Amino acid sequence: MLRYLLRRAGEALVVLVGAAVLVFALLHIVPGDPVRVALGTRFDPETYEALREAAGLNLPLHEQLVRYLSNAAMGDFGVSFRSGQTVFEIIMDRLPATISLGVAALFIALLISFPLGITSAMRRGSIIDHVARLGSQIGISVPDFWLAILLILFVAGTLRWLPASGYVPITEDPVQWLRHVILPALTVGLISGSILTRFIRSATLESNDQDFARTARAKGLHESAVMRDHVLRNAMVPIITVAGIQLASLLGGVIVVEVVFAWPGLGRLVYDSVLARDYPVVQGAVLLVAAIFLVANLV
């Protein structure tokens, strides 16, 4: 087991380095000068050259890459071109908003997918099964930004039940946090729940067709006992794996949803930083997202 864990950890490290190199290369291919964008109307040739030198942008690309990787290995992800804050501080400031949205969205997704997926599998071929499959297919096909706009127009605009955008930390006011998180969490949760519903149905059906399930029924066990003690127990292994990956995806930041709802999380941070050519922030945020995915897969 230890050898296996060490091998998987080594593979994860290689993937993480590969992600860092790929993001570094893509950012430098994109046209635009980050220092020029950061200075804006305050442009001054001397200040411009001083900032480029301080950021290491005057070095050859391979030297910039080596410098970035060595600093990142020590926990130093650089300083934002726009705000002057360290990348670590910026990410830690945005992370609570993304975590709260991701957990709330996963809760909604599981609340929808578990009963719907299991009921659909237990009643294969019934009207409930057809409705569940059709609903999950629609949920997967609907673009998240379109669903977000519909919810804003109907729930926030027409009914005026909830705010259309904004964020309040849960530590400051739990009630206002809940009011603000419902719409973005519902947008993400419905789509994620549709994916999980199809997977839970498939995993349950596959487990239900195994020999141990037929043997349990042949012994005279009640159908509910067969499903609870044999089918679902074995189906839970792949289901938990996919749910963990879904959570990692949500914690990575749902960019479009966060932008539409003005949610100050990692997704919106990446979006704003790409527009501003803020290389250090984009690289740091993408590395964090990659690390979250790798840890989720490893667990």
Protein backbone atom coordinates (compact mmCIF):
# COMPACT_ATOMS: atom_id res chain seq x y z
CA MET A 1 0.00 0.00 0.00
CA LEU A 2 2.79 2.43 0.87
CA ARG A 3 4.52 1.74 -2.44
CA TYR A 4 1.24 2.30 -4.28
CA LEU A 5 0.61 5.60 -2.49
CA LEU A 6 4.14 6.80 -3.20
CA ARG A 7 3.77 5.91 -6.87
CA ARG A 8 0.42 7.72 -7.13
CA ALA A 9 1.84 10.74 -5.29
CA GLY A 10 4.78 10.81 -7.70
CA GLU A 11 2.43 10.65 -10.68
CA ALA A 12 0.35 13.47 -9.21
CA LEU A 13 3.47 15.61 -8.80
CA VAL A 14 4.42 15.05 -12.44
CA VAL A 15 0.92 16.04 -13.56
CA LEU A 16 1.05 19.15 -11.37
CA VAL A 17 4.36 20.23 -12.89
CA GLY A 18 2.99 19.52 -16.36
CA ALA A 19 -0.05 21.68 -15.64
CA ALA A 20 2.19 24.51 -14.44
CA VAL A 21 4.33 24.34 -17.59
CA LEU A 22 1.27 24.20 -19.86
CA VAL A 23 -0.41 27.21 -18.23
CA PHE A 24 2.86 29.15 -18.31
CA ALA A 25 3.24 28.46 -22.03
CA LEU A 26 -0.37 29.32 -22.88
CA LEU A 27 -0.28 32.60 -20.96
CA HIS A 28 2.83 33.74 -22.78
CA ILE A 29 1.32 32.84 -26.15
CA VAL A 30 -1.67 35.12 -25.50
CA PRO A 31 -0.97 38.61 -26.90
CA GLY A 32 -0.76 41.52 -24.49
CA ASP A 33 1.75 42.95 -22.05
CA PRO A 34 0.68 42.38 -18.41
CA VAL A 35 2.79 45.23 -17.05
CA ARG A 36 1.42 47.66 -19.67
CA VAL A 37 -2.12 46.59 -18.82
CA ALA A 38 -1.45 46.96 -15.08
CA LEU A 39 -0.04 50.48 -15.46
CA GLY A 40 -2.92 51.70 -17.61
CA THR A 41 -2.94 55.48 -17.88
CA ARG A 42 -0.06 55.75 -15.40
CA PHE A 43 2.37 54.46 -18.01
CA ASP A 44 5.90 55.71 -17.63
CA PRO A 45 8.88 54.16 -19.49
CA GLU A 46 11.12 54.03 -16.43
CA THR A 47 8.41 52.56 -14.19
CA TYR A 48 7.51 50.12 -16.95
CA GLU A 49 11.05 48.79 -17.26
CA ALA A 50 11.49 48.64 -13.48
CA LEU A 51 8.31 46.57 -13.07
CA ARG A 52 9.25 44.21 -15.90
CA GLU A 53 12.63 43.64 -14.30
CA ALA A 54 11.08 43.12 -10.84
CA ALA A 55 8.64 40.58 -12.29
CA GLY A 56 11.38 38.82 -14.24
CA LEU A 57 9.61 39.40 -17.58
CA ASN A 58 12.83 40.71 -19.13
CA LEU A 59 14.40 37.24 -18.81
CA PRO A 60 14.24 34.55 -21.52
CA LEU A 61 11.14 32.32 -21.29
CA HIS A 62 13.02 29.23 -20.15
CA GLU A 63 14.64 31.19 -17.31
CA GLN A 64 11.24 32.62 -16.32
CA LEU A 65 9.80 29.09 -16.22
CA VAL A 66 12.62 27.72 -14.09
CA ARG A 67 12.34 30.69 -11.75
CA TYR A 68 8.56 30.25 -11.42
CA LEU A 69 8.75 26.50 -10.76
CA SER A 70 11.50 26.86 -8.18
CA ASN A 71 9.61 29.63 -6.35
CA ALA A 72 6.33 27.68 -6.51
CA ALA A 73 8.04 24.65 -4.99
CA MET A 74 8.92 26.87 -2.03
CA GLY A 75 5.33 28.13 -1.73
CA ASP A 76 6.01 31.50 -3.39
CA PHE A 77 3.56 32.04 -6.28
CA GLY A 78 4.55 35.62 -6.95
CA VAL A 79 2.83 38.98 -6.64
CA SER A 80 -0.21 40.26 -8.53
CA PHE A 81 0.56 42.82 -11.22
CA ARG A 82 -2.71 44.63 -10.49
CA SER A 83 -3.04 44.79 -6.70
CA GLY A 84 0.52 44.21 -5.49
CA GLN A 85 -0.71 41.52 -3.09
CA THR A 86 0.86 38.10 -2.97
CA VAL A 87 -0.96 35.48 -5.03
CA PHE A 88 -1.34 33.28 -1.95
CA GLU A 89 -3.19 36.05 -0.08
CA ILE A 90 -5.51 36.71 -3.02
CA ILE A 91 -6.39 33.03 -3.46
CA MET A 92 -6.98 32.51 0.27
CA ASP A 93 -9.25 35.55 0.26
CA ARG A 94 -11.38 34.10 -2.56
CA LEU A 95 -11.32 30.45 -1.49
CA PRO A 96 -14.05 30.62 1.25
CA ALA A 97 -16.61 31.91 -1.27
CA THR A 98 -15.84 29.07 -3.68
CA ILE A 99 -15.90 26.44 -0.92
CA SER A 100 -19.29 27.63 0.36
CA LEU A 101 -20.74 27.63 -3.16
CA GLY A 102 -19.25 24.24 -4.02
CA VAL A 103 -20.50 22.53 -0.85
CA ALA A 104 -23.99 24.04 -1.23
CA ALA A 105 -24.15 23.01 -4.90
CA LEU A 106 -23.00 19.45 -4.14
CA PHE A 107 -25.61 19.18 -1.38
CA ILE A 108 -28.35 20.13 -3.87
CA ALA A 109 -26.91 17.74 -6.47
CA LEU A 110 -26.88 14.80 -4.04
CA LEU A 111 -30.35 15.70 -2.77
CA ILE A 112 -31.65 15.40 -6.33
CA SER A 113 -29.53 12.58 -7.74
CA PHE A 114 -29.58 9.92 -5.03
CA PRO A 115 -33.35 9.36 -4.72
CA LEU A 116 -33.92 9.94 -8.43
CA GLY A 117 -31.08 7.71 -9.64
CA ILE A 118 -31.83 4.84 -7.25
CA THR A 119 -35.60 4.95 -7.89
CA SER A 120 -34.98 5.02 -11.63
CA ALA A 121 -32.73 1.95 -11.39
CA MET A 122 -35.14 0.02 -9.13
CA ARG A 123 -38.02 0.71 -11.53
CA ARG A 124 -36.21 0.28 -14.82
CA GLY A 125 -38.46 0.81 -17.82
CA SER A 126 -41.20 2.53 -15.81
CA ILE A 127 -42.56 6.04 -16.31
CA ILE A 128 -40.39 7.26 -13.42
CA ASP A 129 -37.32 5.83 -15.15
CA HIS A 130 -38.14 7.52 -18.46
CA VAL A 131 -38.86 10.85 -16.76
CA ALA A 132 -35.62 10.66 -14.74
CA ARG A 133 -33.54 9.85 -17.82
CA LEU A 134 -35.17 12.60 -19.86
CA GLY A 135 -34.79 15.14 -17.05
CA SER A 136 -31.13 14.27 -16.50
CA GLN A 137 -30.42 14.53 -20.24
CA ILE A 138 -32.03 17.98 -20.32
CA GLY A 139 -30.05 19.02 -17.23
CA ILE A 140 -26.77 17.95 -18.81
CA SER A 141 -27.57 19.72 -22.09
CA VAL A 142 -28.66 23.07 -20.63
CA PRO A 143 -25.83 25.67 -20.61
CA ASP A 144 -25.11 26.90 -17.09
CA PHE A 145 -25.16 30.60 -18.08
CA TRP A 146 -28.60 30.22 -19.69
CA LEU A 147 -30.01 28.48 -16.63
CA ALA A 148 -28.45 31.16 -14.40
CA ILE A 149 -30.06 33.97 -16.42
CA LEU A 150 -33.46 32.24 -16.33
CA LEU A 151 -33.29 31.88 -12.54
CA ILE A 152 -32.28 35.53 -12.14
CA LEU A 153 -35.12 36.74 -14.38
CA PHE A 154 -37.80 34.57 -12.78
CA VAL A 155 -36.83 34.15 -9.11
CA ALA A 156 -34.99 37.44 -8.54
CA GLY A 157 -36.70 39.61 -11.15
CA THR A 158 -40.34 38.49 -11.41
CA LEU A 159 -40.93 36.95 -8.00
CA ARG A 160 -38.33 39.05 -6.12
CA TRP A 161 -37.73 36.21 -3.66
CA LEU A 162 -33.94 36.25 -3.69
CA PRO A 163 -31.12 38.69 -4.62
CA ALA A 164 -29.83 38.43 -8.18
CA SER A 165 -26.15 38.70 -7.28
CA GLY A 166 -23.63 39.43 -4.57
CA TYR A 167 -22.03 37.55 -1.71
CA VAL A 168 -22.17 37.73 2.08
CA PRO A 169 -19.72 35.58 4.10
CA ILE A 170 -21.44 32.92 6.17
CA THR A 171 -19.45 34.02 9.21
CA GLU A 172 -20.95 37.53 9.03
CA ASP A 173 -24.62 36.75 8.38
CA PRO A 174 -25.70 33.09 7.76
CA VAL A 175 -29.21 34.10 6.67
CA GLN A 176 -27.99 36.59 4.05
CA TRP A 177 -25.35 34.11 2.91
CA LEU A 178 -28.09 31.52 2.36
CA ARG A 179 -30.23 34.00 0.42
CA HIS A 180 -27.33 34.88 -1.86
CA VAL A 181 -26.03 31.33 -2.36
CA ILE A 182 -29.32 29.64 -3.30
CA LEU A 183 -29.50 30.77 -6.94
CA PRO A 184 -25.87 30.07 -7.95
CA ALA A 185 -25.86 26.79 -5.98
CA LEU A 186 -29.14 25.77 -7.63
CA THR A 187 -27.71 26.55 -11.07
CA VAL A 188 -24.63 24.43 -10.51
CA GLY A 189 -26.43 21.79 -8.43
CA LEU A 190 -29.08 21.05 -11.06
CA ILE A 191 -26.48 20.43 -13.74
CA SER A 192 -24.18 18.44 -11.45
CA GLY A 193 -27.19 16.53 -10.12
CA SER A 194 -28.16 15.53 -13.66
CA ILE A 195 -24.71 14.06 -14.22
CA LEU A 196 -24.80 12.20 -10.90
CA THR A 197 -28.34 10.91 -11.52
CA ARG A 198 -27.28 9.14 -14.70
CA PHE A 199 -24.17 7.73 -13.06
CA ILE A 200 -26.01 6.55 -9.93
CA ARG A 201 -28.61 4.83 -12.10
CA SER A 202 -25.92 3.08 -14.18
CA ALA A 203 -23.88 2.04 -11.12
CA THR A 204 -26.97 0.69 -9.34
CA LEU A 205 -28.11 -1.25 -12.40
CA GLU A 206 -24.64 -2.72 -12.90
CA SER A 207 -24.44 -3.78 -9.25
CA ASN A 208 -27.98 -5.15 -9.39
CA ASP A 209 -27.08 -7.47 -12.26
CA GLN A 210 -24.14 -9.09 -10.43
CA ASP A 211 -24.13 -12.65 -9.10
CA PHE A 212 -24.17 -11.60 -5.43
CA ALA A 213 -27.50 -9.79 -5.94
CA ARG A 214 -29.07 -12.82 -7.63
CA THR A 215 -27.73 -15.07 -4.89
CA ALA A 216 -29.21 -12.83 -2.19
CA ARG A 217 -32.61 -12.97 -3.88
CA ALA A 218 -32.34 -16.75 -4.28
CA LYS A 219 -31.81 -17.03 -0.51
CA GLY A 220 -35.18 -15.37 0.01
CA LEU A 221 -34.06 -11.92 1.16
CA HIS A 222 -36.57 -9.12 0.82
CA GLU A 223 -35.96 -6.80 -2.13
CA SER A 224 -35.33 -3.81 0.15
CA ALA A 225 -32.68 -5.80 2.05
CA VAL A 226 -31.03 -6.85 -1.22
CA MET A 227 -30.87 -3.24 -2.40
CA ARG A 228 -29.71 -1.84 0.93
CA ASP A 229 -27.16 -4.47 2.03
CA HIS A 230 -25.82 -5.71 -1.29
CA VAL A 231 -26.61 -3.61 -4.36
CA LEU A 232 -26.20 -0.09 -2.97
CA ARG A 233 -23.25 -0.99 -0.76
CA ASN A 234 -21.26 -2.13 -3.81
CA ALA A 235 -22.57 0.65 -6.05
CA MET A 236 -21.44 3.30 -3.57
CA VAL A 237 -17.75 2.85 -4.39
CA PRO A 238 -17.87 4.35 -7.92
CA ILE A 239 -20.62 6.77 -6.88
CA ILE A 240 -18.49 8.28 -4.11
CA THR A 241 -15.57 8.53 -6.55
CA VAL A 242 -17.61 10.51 -9.07
CA ALA A 243 -19.15 12.68 -6.32
CA GLY A 244 -15.65 13.52 -5.10
CA ILE A 245 -14.57 14.51 -8.59
CA GLN A 246 -17.71 16.64 -8.93
CA LEU A 247 -16.86 18.40 -5.67
CA ALA A 248 -13.31 18.99 -6.92
CA SER A 249 -14.74 20.48 -10.10
CA LEU A 250 -17.00 22.79 -8.09
CA LEU A 251 -14.18 23.85 -5.77
CA GLY A 252 -12.07 24.55 -8.84
CA GLY A 253 -14.44 27.39 -9.57
CA VAL A 254 -17.44 27.51 -11.87
CA ILE A 255 -16.27 30.47 -13.92
CA VAL A 256 -19.42 31.35 -15.88
CA VAL A 257 -21.77 30.99 -12.90
CA GLU A 258 -19.53 33.06 -10.63
CA VAL A 259 -19.29 35.81 -13.25
CA VAL A 260 -23.07 35.87 -13.87
CA PHE A 261 -23.90 36.05 -10.15
CA ALA A 262 -20.96 38.34 -9.26
CA TRP A 263 -19.74 35.66 -6.87
CA PRO A 264 -16.20 36.51 -5.68
CA GLY A 265 -14.73 33.02 -5.94
CA LEU A 266 -11.81 31.38 -7.73
CA GLY A 267 -13.66 31.15 -11.03
CA ARG A 268 -14.28 34.87 -11.23
CA LEU A 269 -10.74 35.53 -10.03
CA VAL A 270 -9.33 33.51 -12.93
CA TYR A 271 -11.66 35.26 -15.39
CA ASP A 272 -10.69 38.75 -14.22
CA SER A 273 -7.00 37.84 -14.09
CA VAL A 274 -6.99 36.48 -17.64
CA LEU A 275 -8.56 39.70 -18.92
CA ALA A 276 -5.95 41.74 -17.04
CA ARG A 277 -3.06 39.47 -18.14
CA ASP A 278 -2.22 38.96 -14.46
CA TYR A 279 0.04 35.95 -15.03
CA PRO A 280 0.98 35.12 -11.43
CA VAL A 281 -2.65 35.01 -10.23
CA VAL A 282 -3.82 32.84 -13.13
CA GLN A 283 -0.92 30.43 -12.67
CA GLY A 284 -1.46 30.18 -8.92
CA ALA A 285 -5.22 29.64 -9.23
CA VAL A 286 -4.85 26.99 -11.94
CA LEU A 287 -2.22 25.16 -9.88
CA LEU A 288 -4.62 25.12 -6.92
CA VAL A 289 -7.44 23.75 -9.10
CA ALA A 290 -5.12 21.06 -10.48
CA ALA A 291 -4.02 20.14 -6.95
CA ILE A 292 -7.66 19.83 -5.83
CA PHE A 293 -8.44 17.47 -8.71
CA LEU A 294 -5.34 15.37 -8.04
CA VAL A 295 -6.11 15.06 -4.32
CA ALA A 296 -9.73 14.13 -5.06
CA ASN A 297 -8.63 11.43 -7.52
CA LEU A 298 -6.02 10.11 -5.10
CA VAL A 299 -8.48 9.91 -2.21
